[in-house]
Each structure stands twice: as C-alpha cells, then as structure tokens.
Amino acid sequence: MALRIARHDTSDVVQLSDGSRWRIWPADVVTTLQWFPVTELELEPVQDEFCSHVLVNRADGSRVRVIDERSSWPSEQVRRSLGITKRRRT
C-alpha cells in the first residue's frame, strides 16, 4: 500500500497518511521538501546503525532515512553526517 504525506509542518518530522510520524535524518530533509502530498511513498525497514526505516518515493526512487518521531538522533553522528565539528573551548 502506498502512503502519502499528510503533514510536514516541521522540517524534520513527517506524518504519513496512515497516521504514523517519522523523524527524518537531518541530511535527508532537503529530499522530503521536494515531495508533495500526492507523492506515493513506501516505508521499508532497514538494517542500519541509526535508522530503523527508509521512506522511498515510488516515482523516482529517492530515499530518506527515518526513525520513529518519539526517538532522537545520536547527536555526534548527526554532526559527523552534516560535516559539523566540535569547537574546542579555549
């Protein structure tokens, strides 16, 4: 069954037509901003260190990594993924 975006009010959380809410991996948010409410999506489980599922756009195959909305991303891995380094205090 194809899912669709029901709400995407915040940049990192998307609610699907089945009522489920998913937190988007920060580096993948830009991809979801190109999706529309009519975009047909598949939710697939994945074996990944940080992500439990991926959302796949049926039309173009683009994928975004997600976790349940109630979960949080590990901050150090997010920083590394986005190329952000910790600043040393002097």
Protein backbone atom coordinates (compact mmCIF):
# COMPACT_ATOMS: atom_id res chain seq x y z
CA MET A 1 0.00 0.00 0.00
CA ALA A 2 1.34 3.40 -0.96
CA LEU A 3 1.49 6.07 1.70
CA ARG A 4 1.30 9.82 1.23
CA ILE A 5 2.41 12.82 3.25
CA ALA A 6 -0.42 14.03 5.45
CA ARG A 7 1.61 16.73 7.27
CA HIS A 8 5.11 18.11 7.01
CA ASP A 9 4.87 21.17 9.25
CA THR A 10 8.30 20.91 10.79
CA SER A 11 11.40 20.33 8.78
CA ASP A 12 12.41 17.07 10.42
CA VAL A 13 9.11 15.28 11.10
CA VAL A 14 6.67 13.94 8.53
CA GLN A 15 3.22 12.46 9.20
CA LEU A 16 2.03 9.86 6.73
CA SER A 17 -1.48 9.07 5.55
CA ASP A 18 -1.64 6.08 7.93
CA GLY A 19 -1.12 8.43 10.91
CA SER A 20 2.46 7.36 11.63
CA ARG A 21 5.01 10.10 12.32
CA TRP A 22 8.68 9.81 11.38
CA ARG A 23 11.78 11.84 12.22
CA ILE A 24 13.93 12.43 9.12
CA TRP A 25 17.72 12.09 9.16
CA PRO A 26 18.97 15.73 9.05
CA ALA A 27 21.00 15.29 5.85
CA ASP A 28 17.88 13.89 4.08
CA VAL A 29 15.42 16.68 4.95
CA VAL A 30 16.10 18.53 1.69
CA THR A 31 14.85 15.49 -0.25
CA THR A 32 11.50 15.42 1.56
CA LEU A 33 10.97 19.11 0.90
CA GLN A 34 10.72 18.20 -2.79
CA TRP A 35 7.93 15.68 -2.15
CA PHE A 36 4.27 16.68 -2.38
CA PRO A 37 1.12 15.40 -0.63
CA VAL A 38 0.36 13.33 -3.76
CA THR A 39 3.79 11.67 -3.75
CA GLU A 40 3.38 7.92 -3.26
CA LEU A 41 5.78 6.52 -0.69
CA GLU A 42 6.75 3.13 0.64
CA LEU A 43 8.01 2.63 4.19
CA GLU A 44 10.66 -0.07 4.37
CA PRO A 45 12.56 -1.41 7.40
CA VAL A 46 16.36 -1.31 7.12
CA GLN A 47 19.29 -2.75 8.98
CA ASP A 48 21.19 0.41 9.85
CA GLU A 49 23.16 1.61 12.85
CA PHE A 50 20.96 4.69 13.38
CA CYS A 51 17.88 4.40 11.17
CA SER A 52 15.06 1.89 11.52
CA HIS A 53 13.30 2.60 8.21
CA VAL A 54 13.53 4.41 4.90
CA LEU A 55 10.82 6.26 3.03
CA VAL A 56 11.03 5.56 -0.70
CA ASN A 57 9.43 7.77 -3.34
CA ARG A 58 7.75 5.34 -5.77
CA ALA A 59 8.09 7.73 -8.72
CA ASP A 60 11.82 8.46 -8.66
CA GLY A 61 13.27 6.03 -6.10
CA SER A 62 14.61 8.77 -3.84
CA ARG A 63 15.04 7.57 -0.27
CA VAL A 64 15.22 9.21 3.14
CA ARG A 65 16.29 7.62 6.39
CA VAL A 66 13.84 7.86 9.28
CA ILE A 67 13.17 6.80 12.85
CA ASP A 68 10.01 6.92 14.94
CA GLU A 69 9.11 10.52 15.79
CA ARG A 70 9.45 9.85 19.52
CA SER A 71 13.10 8.85 19.09
CA SER A 72 16.11 11.15 18.87
CA TRP A 73 19.13 11.03 16.62
CA PRO A 74 22.53 10.45 18.25
CA SER A 75 24.00 13.98 18.21
CA GLU A 76 27.61 13.03 17.43
CA GLN A 77 26.59 11.00 14.36
CA VAL A 78 24.39 13.87 13.14
CA ARG A 79 27.30 16.30 13.46
CA ARG A 80 29.59 13.98 11.51
CA SER A 81 26.95 13.39 8.81
CA LEU A 82 26.48 17.12 8.34
CA GLY A 83 30.22 17.84 8.46
CA ILE A 84 29.98 19.78 11.70
CA THR A 85 32.96 19.55 14.02
CA LYS A 86 33.01 20.34 17.69
CA ARG A 87 34.76 23.55 18.59
CA ARG A 88 37.34 23.42 21.30
CA ARG A 89 36.91 25.77 24.19
CA THR A 90 39.96 27.82 24.96
